[in-house]
Amino acid sequence: MDSTTCEGAPVPLPQTASRGVKIAVVGGFGVGKTTFVGAVSEITPMRTEAEMTAASIGTDDLSATPAKRTTTVGFDFGRAALSEALVLYLFGAPGQDRFKFMWDTVFNGALGVVVLVDTRRVADCFPSLDLVEDEQLPYVVAHNVFGEEDRVHSLDDVRDALQMAPGVPLMRCDARNRQSVRGVLIALVQHVLHRAGLQEADA
């Protein structure tokens, strides 16, 4: 059986993985979901971005991302193969409340979820966390590091701030870096398999 690794740890893959699986990528506005999908996608990612207009003034918080000029109004789509047997189809959800009607489409049929968090705006990821937990989907939380100042808070601090359950994986990542994003996706696959009891059965 094919496997992929994360820091030397083997990840057994179920035979059904050769058909490909759906992964949702969620988080608050401007947290880096489009960048995350684009960094790892092996195809030209499909993006539904639109120029931000005056309608977003007072609605979208640009304090942490003043240079942001576009926003996702549908969903992002990309494809990433972790091995010959396991292909991930990535669906990035829009972050604003007014586009929540798209979230059902993004979550429908998903095997697991990556929740991106920006420690400059921690509260922005709470709606995503609430929805993932309501859907009872396995997920990992990735702290997208925008700069060295984002490392001021330890991962334990982030876990406490998000009131995360102990068994949910939490890690730092750089959404611009392909290997960093792959590491997050591998951690999610490991978590999904662990929850399903497949690691123990196939190891």
N, C-alpha and C. Protein backbone atom coordinates (compact mmCIF):
# COMPACT_ATOMS: atom_id res chain seq x y z
N MET A 1 0.85 -1.19 0.00
CA MET A 1 0.00 0.00 0.00
C MET A 1 0.89 1.24 0.00
N ASP A 2 0.54 2.24 -0.82
CA ASP A 2 1.33 3.45 -0.89
C ASP A 2 1.20 4.23 0.41
N SER A 3 2.20 5.01 0.70
CA SER A 3 2.14 5.86 1.88
C SER A 3 2.92 7.13 1.61
N THR A 4 2.63 8.16 2.38
CA THR A 4 3.41 9.39 2.34
C THR A 4 3.88 9.66 3.75
N THR A 5 4.80 10.57 3.93
CA THR A 5 5.37 10.77 5.24
C THR A 5 5.31 12.23 5.67
N CYS A 6 5.31 12.43 6.97
CA CYS A 6 5.42 13.76 7.58
C CYS A 6 6.47 13.66 8.67
N GLU A 7 7.66 14.26 8.43
CA GLU A 7 8.75 14.20 9.40
C GLU A 7 9.08 12.75 9.76
N GLY A 8 9.05 11.89 8.74
CA GLY A 8 9.47 10.52 8.93
C GLY A 8 8.41 9.56 9.41
N ALA A 9 7.22 10.06 9.74
CA ALA A 9 6.16 9.19 10.23
C ALA A 9 5.33 8.67 9.06
N PRO A 10 5.23 7.34 8.88
CA PRO A 10 4.46 6.81 7.76
C PRO A 10 2.97 7.07 7.92
N VAL A 11 2.33 7.38 6.81
CA VAL A 11 0.89 7.61 6.81
C VAL A 11 0.25 6.57 5.89
N PRO A 12 -0.33 5.50 6.42
CA PRO A 12 -0.97 4.50 5.56
C PRO A 12 -2.18 5.09 4.87
N LEU A 13 -2.35 4.74 3.61
CA LEU A 13 -3.45 5.30 2.83
C LEU A 13 -4.46 4.21 2.49
N PRO A 14 -5.74 4.45 2.69
CA PRO A 14 -6.75 3.45 2.33
C PRO A 14 -6.81 3.28 0.82
N GLN A 15 -7.18 2.08 0.36
CA GLN A 15 -7.24 1.81 -1.07
C GLN A 15 -8.21 2.74 -1.79
N THR A 16 -9.27 3.18 -1.10
CA THR A 16 -10.26 4.03 -1.75
C THR A 16 -9.73 5.41 -2.04
N ALA A 17 -8.56 5.77 -1.47
CA ALA A 17 -8.03 7.11 -1.66
C ALA A 17 -7.65 7.39 -3.10
N SER A 18 -7.45 6.34 -3.91
CA SER A 18 -7.06 6.55 -5.30
C SER A 18 -8.14 7.29 -6.08
N ARG A 19 -9.35 7.36 -5.55
CA ARG A 19 -10.42 8.09 -6.23
C ARG A 19 -10.35 9.59 -5.95
N GLY A 20 -9.55 9.99 -5.00
CA GLY A 20 -9.44 11.39 -4.64
C GLY A 20 -10.42 11.75 -3.54
N VAL A 21 -10.04 12.69 -2.72
CA VAL A 21 -10.91 13.11 -1.61
C VAL A 21 -10.99 14.63 -1.57
N LYS A 22 -12.07 15.11 -1.02
CA LYS A 22 -12.34 16.54 -0.93
C LYS A 22 -11.91 17.07 0.43
N ILE A 23 -11.20 18.20 0.40
CA ILE A 23 -10.75 18.87 1.62
C ILE A 23 -11.25 20.32 1.57
N ALA A 24 -11.85 20.78 2.67
CA ALA A 24 -12.30 22.17 2.75
C ALA A 24 -11.23 23.00 3.47
N VAL A 25 -11.07 24.23 3.01
CA VAL A 25 -10.14 25.17 3.64
C VAL A 25 -10.95 26.40 4.04
N VAL A 26 -11.01 26.67 5.33
CA VAL A 26 -11.86 27.75 5.82
C VAL A 26 -11.08 28.65 6.77
N GLY A 27 -11.70 29.77 7.14
CA GLY A 27 -11.09 30.72 8.04
C GLY A 27 -11.67 32.09 7.81
N GLY A 28 -11.23 33.05 8.57
CA GLY A 28 -11.76 34.40 8.48
C GLY A 28 -11.33 35.12 7.21
N PHE A 29 -11.87 36.30 7.02
CA PHE A 29 -11.55 37.16 5.88
C PHE A 29 -10.07 37.51 5.87
N GLY A 30 -9.42 37.31 4.72
CA GLY A 30 -8.03 37.70 4.56
C GLY A 30 -7.01 36.85 5.28
N VAL A 31 -7.41 35.65 5.72
CA VAL A 31 -6.49 34.82 6.50
C VAL A 31 -5.48 34.07 5.62
N GLY A 32 -5.75 33.98 4.31
CA GLY A 32 -4.80 33.33 3.41
C GLY A 32 -5.29 32.07 2.74
N LYS A 33 -6.60 31.88 2.67
CA LYS A 33 -7.14 30.64 2.10
C LYS A 33 -6.81 30.51 0.61
N THR A 34 -6.99 31.59 -0.15
CA THR A 34 -6.69 31.57 -1.58
C THR A 34 -5.20 31.29 -1.80
N THR A 35 -4.36 31.93 -1.02
CA THR A 35 -2.92 31.71 -1.12
C THR A 35 -2.56 30.28 -0.77
N PHE A 36 -3.17 29.73 0.26
CA PHE A 36 -2.93 28.36 0.72
C PHE A 36 -3.23 27.37 -0.40
N VAL A 37 -4.39 27.49 -1.02
CA VAL A 37 -4.78 26.58 -2.10
C VAL A 37 -3.84 26.74 -3.29
N GLY A 38 -3.54 27.98 -3.65
CA GLY A 38 -2.70 28.23 -4.81
C GLY A 38 -1.27 27.76 -4.63
N ALA A 39 -0.77 27.78 -3.40
CA ALA A 39 0.63 27.41 -3.15
C ALA A 39 0.89 25.93 -3.42
N VAL A 40 -0.11 25.09 -3.19
CA VAL A 40 0.10 23.65 -3.27
C VAL A 40 -0.54 23.01 -4.50
N SER A 41 -1.43 23.73 -5.17
CA SER A 41 -2.16 23.15 -6.29
C SER A 41 -1.24 22.82 -7.46
N GLU A 42 -1.42 21.62 -8.02
CA GLU A 42 -0.63 21.18 -9.16
C GLU A 42 -1.27 21.55 -10.49
N ILE A 43 -2.45 22.14 -10.41
CA ILE A 43 -3.10 22.69 -11.58
C ILE A 43 -3.29 24.19 -11.34
N THR A 44 -3.57 24.91 -12.39
CA THR A 44 -3.87 26.32 -12.20
C THR A 44 -5.13 26.42 -11.36
N PRO A 45 -5.05 26.98 -10.16
CA PRO A 45 -6.23 26.98 -9.29
C PRO A 45 -7.36 27.82 -9.86
N MET A 46 -8.57 27.33 -9.64
CA MET A 46 -9.75 28.11 -10.02
C MET A 46 -10.04 29.08 -8.90
N ARG A 47 -10.16 30.34 -9.23
CA ARG A 47 -10.42 31.36 -8.22
C ARG A 47 -11.65 32.17 -8.61
N THR A 48 -12.43 32.53 -7.63
CA THR A 48 -13.61 33.37 -7.87
C THR A 48 -13.43 34.66 -7.09
N GLU A 49 -12.35 35.36 -7.41
CA GLU A 49 -12.05 36.61 -6.73
C GLU A 49 -12.62 37.79 -7.50
N ALA A 50 -13.02 38.79 -6.75
CA ALA A 50 -13.54 40.02 -7.35
C ALA A 50 -12.87 41.21 -6.68
N GLU A 51 -12.77 42.30 -7.43
CA GLU A 51 -12.21 43.52 -6.85
C GLU A 51 -13.09 43.99 -5.70
N MET A 52 -12.44 44.40 -4.61
CA MET A 52 -13.19 44.94 -3.49
C MET A 52 -13.70 46.33 -3.85
N THR A 53 -14.93 46.63 -3.49
CA THR A 53 -15.56 47.88 -3.85
C THR A 53 -15.92 48.67 -2.60
N ALA A 54 -16.53 49.82 -2.81
CA ALA A 54 -16.95 50.66 -1.69
C ALA A 54 -17.94 49.94 -0.78
N ALA A 55 -18.61 48.91 -1.32
CA ALA A 55 -19.60 48.17 -0.52
C ALA A 55 -18.96 47.43 0.64
N SER A 56 -17.65 47.18 0.54
CA SER A 56 -16.97 46.46 1.61
C SER A 56 -16.53 47.38 2.75
N ILE A 57 -16.57 48.68 2.52
CA ILE A 57 -16.15 49.63 3.55
C ILE A 57 -17.06 49.52 4.77
N GLY A 58 -16.44 49.35 5.92
CA GLY A 58 -17.21 49.20 7.15
C GLY A 58 -17.72 47.79 7.37
N THR A 59 -17.52 46.92 6.38
CA THR A 59 -17.97 45.53 6.50
C THR A 59 -16.79 44.58 6.63
N ASP A 60 -15.81 44.73 5.73
CA ASP A 60 -14.62 43.89 5.75
C ASP A 60 -13.50 44.61 6.49
N ASP A 61 -12.91 43.93 7.46
CA ASP A 61 -11.85 44.51 8.28
C ASP A 61 -10.51 44.38 7.55
N LEU A 62 -10.00 45.51 7.08
CA LEU A 62 -8.73 45.53 6.36
C LEU A 62 -7.57 46.01 7.22
N SER A 63 -7.79 46.14 8.52
CA SER A 63 -6.77 46.69 9.39
C SER A 63 -5.49 45.86 9.38
N ALA A 64 -5.62 44.54 9.27
CA ALA A 64 -4.45 43.67 9.27
C ALA A 64 -3.92 43.38 7.87
N THR A 65 -4.74 43.69 6.84
CA THR A 65 -4.35 43.43 5.45
C THR A 65 -4.69 44.65 4.59
N PRO A 66 -4.05 45.79 4.84
CA PRO A 66 -4.41 47.02 4.13
C PRO A 66 -4.16 46.98 2.62
N ALA A 67 -3.27 46.08 2.17
CA ALA A 67 -2.96 46.00 0.75
C ALA A 67 -3.92 45.09 -0.02
N LYS A 68 -4.85 44.44 0.67
CA LYS A 68 -5.75 43.50 0.02
C LYS A 68 -6.70 44.25 -0.92
N ARG A 69 -6.79 43.80 -2.17
CA ARG A 69 -7.61 44.47 -3.17
C ARG A 69 -8.71 43.59 -3.75
N THR A 70 -8.61 42.28 -3.51
CA THR A 70 -9.62 41.37 -4.03
C THR A 70 -10.14 40.49 -2.90
N THR A 71 -11.28 39.86 -3.14
CA THR A 71 -11.85 38.95 -2.15
C THR A 71 -12.55 37.80 -2.87
N THR A 72 -12.58 36.63 -2.22
CA THR A 72 -13.23 35.46 -2.80
C THR A 72 -14.74 35.59 -2.63
N VAL A 73 -15.47 35.45 -3.74
CA VAL A 73 -16.92 35.59 -3.69
C VAL A 73 -17.64 34.27 -3.96
N GLY A 74 -16.89 33.24 -4.30
CA GLY A 74 -17.46 31.90 -4.49
C GLY A 74 -16.63 30.93 -3.69
N PHE A 75 -15.75 30.20 -4.37
CA PHE A 75 -14.78 29.37 -3.66
C PHE A 75 -13.56 29.16 -4.54
N ASP A 76 -12.44 28.85 -3.90
CA ASP A 76 -11.22 28.50 -4.61
C ASP A 76 -11.17 26.99 -4.80
N PHE A 77 -10.53 26.55 -5.87
CA PHE A 77 -10.42 25.11 -6.11
C PHE A 77 -9.02 24.80 -6.60
N GLY A 78 -8.42 23.75 -6.02
CA GLY A 78 -7.11 23.28 -6.45
C GLY A 78 -6.99 21.78 -6.28
N ARG A 79 -5.92 21.22 -6.82
CA ARG A 79 -5.69 19.78 -6.76
C ARG A 79 -4.27 19.53 -6.30
N ALA A 80 -4.10 18.65 -5.30
CA ALA A 80 -2.77 18.33 -4.79
C ALA A 80 -2.66 16.84 -4.53
N ALA A 81 -1.69 16.19 -5.15
CA ALA A 81 -1.45 14.76 -4.94
C ALA A 81 -0.40 14.59 -3.86
N LEU A 82 -0.75 13.90 -2.77
CA LEU A 82 0.21 13.62 -1.72
C LEU A 82 0.99 12.34 -2.00
N SER A 83 0.43 11.48 -2.84
CA SER A 83 1.11 10.26 -3.28
C SER A 83 0.36 9.79 -4.52
N GLU A 84 0.81 8.66 -5.10
CA GLU A 84 0.10 8.13 -6.27
C GLU A 84 -1.31 7.70 -5.91
N ALA A 85 -1.52 7.35 -4.64
CA ALA A 85 -2.83 6.84 -4.23
C ALA A 85 -3.75 7.91 -3.68
N LEU A 86 -3.19 9.03 -3.25
CA LEU A 86 -4.01 10.01 -2.55
C LEU A 86 -3.95 11.38 -3.22
N VAL A 87 -5.07 11.76 -3.81
CA VAL A 87 -5.21 13.07 -4.45
C VAL A 87 -6.23 13.88 -3.66
N LEU A 88 -5.85 15.08 -3.29
CA LEU A 88 -6.75 15.95 -2.55
C LEU A 88 -7.31 17.03 -3.47
N TYR A 89 -8.62 17.22 -3.41
CA TYR A 89 -9.27 18.31 -4.11
C TYR A 89 -9.63 19.36 -3.07
N LEU A 90 -9.01 20.52 -3.19
CA LEU A 90 -9.09 21.55 -2.17
C LEU A 90 -10.14 22.60 -2.54
N PHE A 91 -11.04 22.87 -1.61
CA PHE A 91 -12.08 23.86 -1.80
C PHE A 91 -11.94 24.93 -0.72
N GLY A 92 -11.56 26.14 -1.12
CA GLY A 92 -11.41 27.23 -0.18
C GLY A 92 -12.68 28.06 -0.10
N ALA A 93 -13.20 28.23 1.11
CA ALA A 93 -14.46 28.95 1.31
C ALA A 93 -14.22 30.44 1.47
N PRO A 94 -15.17 31.27 1.07
CA PRO A 94 -15.06 32.71 1.34
C PRO A 94 -15.17 32.96 2.84
N GLY A 95 -14.52 34.02 3.31
CA GLY A 95 -14.45 34.25 4.74
C GLY A 95 -15.54 35.13 5.32
N GLN A 96 -16.18 35.96 4.50
CA GLN A 96 -17.15 36.91 5.03
C GLN A 96 -18.50 36.27 5.32
N ASP A 97 -19.18 36.81 6.31
CA ASP A 97 -20.49 36.28 6.71
C ASP A 97 -21.49 36.32 5.56
N ARG A 98 -21.40 37.34 4.71
CA ARG A 98 -22.40 37.49 3.64
C ARG A 98 -22.28 36.41 2.57
N PHE A 99 -21.18 35.64 2.59
CA PHE A 99 -21.02 34.56 1.62
C PHE A 99 -21.17 33.19 2.27
N LYS A 100 -21.75 33.12 3.46
CA LYS A 100 -21.89 31.84 4.16
C LYS A 100 -22.78 30.85 3.42
N PHE A 101 -23.62 31.35 2.51
CA PHE A 101 -24.47 30.43 1.75
C PHE A 101 -23.63 29.48 0.90
N MET A 102 -22.35 29.84 0.65
CA MET A 102 -21.48 28.97 -0.13
C MET A 102 -20.87 27.86 0.72
N TRP A 103 -20.94 27.98 2.04
CA TRP A 103 -20.24 27.04 2.90
C TRP A 103 -20.80 25.62 2.80
N ASP A 104 -22.10 25.49 2.59
CA ASP A 104 -22.69 24.15 2.45
C ASP A 104 -22.07 23.43 1.26
N THR A 105 -21.83 24.16 0.18
CA THR A 105 -21.23 23.57 -1.01
C THR A 105 -19.81 23.12 -0.72
N VAL A 106 -19.06 23.94 0.00
CA VAL A 106 -17.67 23.62 0.31
C VAL A 106 -17.58 22.43 1.25
N PHE A 107 -18.47 22.34 2.23
CA PHE A 107 -18.41 21.27 3.22
C PHE A 107 -19.02 19.96 2.73
N ASN A 108 -19.93 20.02 1.79
CA ASN A 108 -20.64 18.81 1.34
C ASN A 108 -19.66 17.78 0.76
N GLY A 109 -19.58 16.63 1.39
CA GLY A 109 -18.72 15.55 0.91
C GLY A 109 -17.26 15.66 1.31
N ALA A 110 -16.92 16.66 2.14
CA ALA A 110 -15.52 16.84 2.53
C ALA A 110 -15.07 15.75 3.51
N LEU A 111 -13.85 15.26 3.31
CA LEU A 111 -13.28 14.27 4.22
C LEU A 111 -12.76 14.93 5.49
N GLY A 112 -12.27 16.14 5.36
CA GLY A 112 -11.71 16.87 6.50
C GLY A 112 -11.57 18.34 6.15
N VAL A 113 -11.13 19.11 7.15
CA VAL A 113 -11.11 20.57 7.00
C VAL A 113 -9.81 21.13 7.57
N VAL A 114 -9.26 22.11 6.86
CA VAL A 114 -8.17 22.93 7.39
C VAL A 114 -8.79 24.27 7.80
N VAL A 115 -8.61 24.64 9.07
CA VAL A 115 -9.06 25.95 9.55
C VAL A 115 -7.83 26.83 9.71
N LEU A 116 -7.74 27.89 8.90
CA LEU A 116 -6.64 28.83 9.01
C LEU A 116 -6.98 29.91 10.01
N VAL A 117 -5.98 30.31 10.80
CA VAL A 117 -6.20 31.35 11.80
C VAL A 117 -5.11 32.40 11.70
N ASP A 118 -5.50 33.65 11.87
CA ASP A 118 -4.61 34.79 11.91
C ASP A 118 -4.66 35.32 13.34
N THR A 119 -3.53 35.26 14.07
CA THR A 119 -3.55 35.65 15.48
C THR A 119 -3.79 37.14 15.67
N ARG A 120 -3.71 37.92 14.60
CA ARG A 120 -4.05 39.34 14.71
C ARG A 120 -5.56 39.54 14.79
N ARG A 121 -6.31 38.51 14.35
CA ARG A 121 -7.77 38.57 14.36
C ARG A 121 -8.32 37.19 14.69
N VAL A 122 -8.02 36.73 15.89
CA VAL A 122 -8.37 35.38 16.29
C VAL A 122 -9.87 35.14 16.20
N ALA A 123 -10.66 36.10 16.63
CA ALA A 123 -12.12 35.91 16.69
C ALA A 123 -12.73 35.64 15.32
N ASP A 124 -12.03 36.03 14.23
CA ASP A 124 -12.58 35.85 12.89
C ASP A 124 -12.74 34.37 12.52
N CYS A 125 -12.00 33.48 13.19
CA CYS A 125 -12.08 32.08 12.81
C CYS A 125 -13.14 31.32 13.61
N PHE A 126 -13.73 31.95 14.62
CA PHE A 126 -14.73 31.26 15.44
C PHE A 126 -15.92 30.74 14.63
N PRO A 127 -16.49 31.54 13.69
CA PRO A 127 -17.61 30.99 12.89
C PRO A 127 -17.22 29.73 12.14
N SER A 128 -15.99 29.69 11.61
CA SER A 128 -15.53 28.50 10.89
C SER A 128 -15.41 27.31 11.83
N LEU A 129 -14.82 27.53 13.00
CA LEU A 129 -14.68 26.46 13.98
C LEU A 129 -16.04 25.93 14.43
N ASP A 130 -16.97 26.85 14.66
CA ASP A 130 -18.32 26.43 15.09
C ASP A 130 -18.98 25.56 14.03
N LEU A 131 -18.85 25.97 12.77
CA LEU A 131 -19.49 25.21 11.69
C LEU A 131 -18.85 23.84 11.53
N VAL A 132 -17.52 23.78 11.58
CA VAL A 132 -16.82 22.50 11.44
C VAL A 132 -17.24 21.54 12.55
N GLU A 133 -17.32 22.06 13.76
CA GLU A 133 -17.71 21.21 14.88
C GLU A 133 -19.17 20.79 14.77
N ASP A 134 -20.03 21.68 14.27
CA ASP A 134 -21.44 21.32 14.05
C ASP A 134 -21.56 20.20 13.02
N GLU A 135 -20.69 20.26 11.99
CA GLU A 135 -20.71 19.24 10.93
C GLU A 135 -20.02 17.95 11.39
N GLN A 136 -19.34 18.01 12.53
CA GLN A 136 -18.61 16.86 13.09
C GLN A 136 -17.57 16.30 12.10
N LEU A 137 -16.90 17.22 11.42
CA LEU A 137 -15.85 16.83 10.49
C LEU A 137 -14.50 16.89 11.19
N PRO A 138 -13.60 15.95 10.88
CA PRO A 138 -12.25 16.05 11.44
C PRO A 138 -11.54 17.27 10.86
N TYR A 139 -10.76 17.96 11.69
CA TYR A 139 -10.10 19.17 11.20
C TYR A 139 -8.79 19.39 11.93
N VAL A 140 -7.95 20.21 11.29
CA VAL A 140 -6.73 20.71 11.92
C VAL A 140 -6.78 22.22 11.85
N VAL A 141 -6.08 22.86 12.78
CA VAL A 141 -5.99 24.31 12.79
C VAL A 141 -4.56 24.70 12.45
N ALA A 142 -4.41 25.60 11.47
CA ALA A 142 -3.10 26.05 11.04
C ALA A 142 -2.98 27.55 11.27
N HIS A 143 -2.02 27.93 12.09
CA HIS A 143 -1.74 29.35 12.33
C HIS A 143 -0.89 29.85 11.17
N ASN A 144 -1.50 30.68 10.30
CA ASN A 144 -0.79 31.23 9.16
C ASN A 144 0.09 32.38 9.64
N VAL A 145 1.40 32.19 9.55
CA VAL A 145 2.36 33.16 10.06
C VAL A 145 2.66 34.19 8.97
N PHE A 146 2.26 35.43 9.20
CA PHE A 146 2.48 36.50 8.23
C PHE A 146 3.83 37.19 8.44
N GLY A 147 4.40 37.05 9.61
CA GLY A 147 5.69 37.67 9.91
C GLY A 147 6.17 37.20 11.26
N GLU A 148 7.40 37.58 11.62
CA GLU A 148 7.97 37.13 12.88
C GLU A 148 7.15 37.59 14.08
N GLU A 149 6.45 38.75 13.90
CA GLU A 149 5.64 39.24 15.02
C GLU A 149 4.50 38.29 15.35
N ASP A 150 4.12 37.44 14.38
CA ASP A 150 3.03 36.49 14.62
C ASP A 150 3.47 35.32 15.49
N ARG A 151 4.78 35.21 15.74
CA ARG A 151 5.28 34.10 16.56
C ARG A 151 5.37 34.48 18.04
N VAL A 152 4.90 35.67 18.38
CA VAL A 152 4.93 36.12 19.77
C VAL A 152 4.13 35.17 20.64
N HIS A 153 2.99 34.71 20.11
CA HIS A 153 2.12 33.81 20.86
C HIS A 153 2.53 32.37 20.61
N SER A 154 2.67 31.60 21.67
CA SER A 154 2.99 30.18 21.52
C SER A 154 1.76 29.44 20.99
N LEU A 155 1.97 28.23 20.50
CA LEU A 155 0.85 27.43 20.03
C LEU A 155 -0.10 27.09 21.18
N ASP A 156 0.46 26.95 22.38
CA ASP A 156 -0.41 26.73 23.55
C ASP A 156 -1.31 27.94 23.79
N ASP A 157 -0.77 29.15 23.57
CA ASP A 157 -1.57 30.36 23.71
C ASP A 157 -2.70 30.37 22.68
N VAL A 158 -2.35 29.98 21.45
CA VAL A 158 -3.35 29.95 20.38
C VAL A 158 -4.44 28.93 20.70
N ARG A 159 -4.03 27.75 21.17
CA ARG A 159 -5.00 26.71 21.52
C ARG A 159 -5.95 27.19 22.61
N ASP A 160 -5.40 27.86 23.61
CA ASP A 160 -6.23 28.38 24.69
C ASP A 160 -7.19 29.45 24.18
N ALA A 161 -6.70 30.34 23.32
CA ALA A 161 -7.53 31.42 22.80
C ALA A 161 -8.69 30.89 21.97
N LEU A 162 -8.44 29.79 21.26
CA LEU A 162 -9.48 29.19 20.42
C LEU A 162 -10.34 28.18 21.17
N GLN A 163 -9.96 27.88 22.41
CA GLN A 163 -10.67 26.90 23.22
C GLN A 163 -10.78 25.56 22.48
N MET A 164 -9.66 25.14 21.92
CA MET A 164 -9.63 23.93 21.12
C MET A 164 -9.62 22.68 21.98
N ALA A 165 -10.23 21.63 21.46
CA ALA A 165 -10.18 20.33 22.12
C ALA A 165 -8.76 19.80 22.06
N PRO A 166 -8.30 19.07 23.09
CA PRO A 166 -6.91 18.60 23.14
C PRO A 166 -6.50 17.75 21.95
N GLY A 167 -7.42 16.97 21.39
CA GLY A 167 -7.04 16.05 20.32
C GLY A 167 -6.97 16.66 18.94
N VAL A 168 -7.28 17.96 18.80
CA VAL A 168 -7.26 18.60 17.48
C VAL A 168 -5.84 19.11 17.19
N PRO A 169 -5.22 18.68 16.08
CA PRO A 169 -3.87 19.13 15.75
C PRO A 169 -3.82 20.64 15.49
N LEU A 170 -2.76 21.26 15.97
CA LEU A 170 -2.52 22.69 15.77
C LEU A 170 -1.08 22.87 15.37
N MET A 171 -0.83 23.67 14.32
CA MET A 171 0.53 23.89 13.83
C MET A 171 0.64 25.26 13.19
N ARG A 172 1.87 25.69 13.03
CA ARG A 172 2.10 26.92 12.28
C ARG A 172 2.31 26.57 10.81
N CYS A 173 2.01 27.53 9.93
CA CYS A 173 2.29 27.31 8.51
C CYS A 173 2.52 28.65 7.83
N ASP A 174 3.09 28.58 6.66
CA ASP A 174 3.23 29.74 5.78
C ASP A 174 2.42 29.40 4.53
N ALA A 175 1.28 30.05 4.38
CA ALA A 175 0.37 29.73 3.27
C ALA A 175 0.98 30.01 1.91
N ARG A 176 2.10 30.69 1.87
CA ARG A 176 2.76 30.99 0.60
C ARG A 176 3.73 29.89 0.18
N ASN A 177 4.05 28.98 1.13
CA ASN A 177 5.10 28.00 0.92
C ASN A 177 4.50 26.61 0.66
N ARG A 178 4.83 26.03 -0.47
CA ARG A 178 4.23 24.75 -0.87
C ARG A 178 4.50 23.65 0.14
N GLN A 179 5.76 23.54 0.60
CA GLN A 179 6.09 22.47 1.54
C GLN A 179 5.38 22.66 2.87
N SER A 180 5.24 23.90 3.30
CA SER A 180 4.54 24.18 4.54
C SER A 180 3.08 23.79 4.44
N VAL A 181 2.46 24.12 3.31
CA VAL A 181 1.05 23.76 3.09
C VAL A 181 0.89 22.25 3.01
N ARG A 182 1.82 21.58 2.31
CA ARG A 182 1.76 20.11 2.24
C ARG A 182 1.83 19.50 3.63
N GLY A 183 2.66 20.08 4.49
CA GLY A 183 2.77 19.58 5.85
C GLY A 183 1.44 19.64 6.59
N VAL A 184 0.70 20.73 6.39
CA VAL A 184 -0.62 20.86 7.01
C VAL A 184 -1.57 19.80 6.46
N LEU A 185 -1.55 19.60 5.15
CA LEU A 185 -2.46 18.63 4.54
C LEU A 185 -2.12 17.21 4.99
N ILE A 186 -0.83 16.90 5.11
CA ILE A 186 -0.43 15.58 5.59
C ILE A 186 -0.90 15.39 7.03
N ALA A 187 -0.76 16.43 7.84
CA ALA A 187 -1.23 16.34 9.23
C ALA A 187 -2.74 16.09 9.28
N LEU A 188 -3.48 16.71 8.37
CA LEU A 188 -4.93 16.49 8.32
C LEU A 188 -5.24 15.04 7.94
N VAL A 189 -4.54 14.52 6.93
CA VAL A 189 -4.76 13.13 6.52
C VAL A 189 -4.45 12.18 7.68
N GLN A 190 -3.36 12.42 8.38
CA GLN A 190 -3.02 11.59 9.54
C GLN A 190 -4.13 11.64 10.59
N HIS A 191 -4.65 12.83 10.82
CA HIS A 191 -5.69 13.00 11.82
C HIS A 191 -6.97 12.27 11.41
N VAL A 192 -7.33 12.39 10.13
CA VAL A 192 -8.53 11.71 9.63
C VAL A 192 -8.38 10.20 9.79
N LEU A 193 -7.22 9.68 9.41
CA LEU A 193 -6.99 8.23 9.51
C LEU A 193 -6.98 7.77 10.96
N HIS A 194 -6.39 8.57 11.81
CA HIS A 194 -6.35 8.22 13.23
C HIS A 194 -7.76 8.16 13.80
N ARG A 195 -8.58 9.15 13.46
CA ARG A 195 -9.96 9.16 13.96
C ARG A 195 -10.76 7.97 13.44
N ALA A 196 -10.44 7.56 12.21
CA ALA A 196 -11.16 6.43 11.63
C ALA A 196 -10.59 5.09 12.07
N GLY A 197 -9.45 5.12 12.79
CA GLY A 197 -8.84 3.88 13.24
C GLY A 197 -8.07 3.17 12.17
N LEU A 198 -7.77 3.87 11.05
CA LEU A 198 -7.11 3.20 9.94
C LEU A 198 -5.61 3.08 10.12
N GLN A 199 -5.00 4.03 10.86
CA GLN A 199 -3.57 3.93 11.06
C GLN A 199 -3.20 2.65 11.81
N GLU A 200 -3.95 2.38 12.86
CA GLU A 200 -3.66 1.19 13.64
C GLU A 200 -3.93 -0.07 12.83
N ALA A 201 -4.98 -0.04 12.01
CA ALA A 201 -5.36 -1.23 11.26
C ALA A 201 -4.39 -1.53 10.12
N ASP A 202 -3.83 -0.45 9.49
CA ASP A 202 -3.01 -0.65 8.30
C ASP A 202 -1.52 -0.60 8.59
N ALA A 203 -1.14 -0.14 9.78
CA ALA A 203 0.29 0.03 10.07
C ALA A 203 1.02 -1.32 10.05
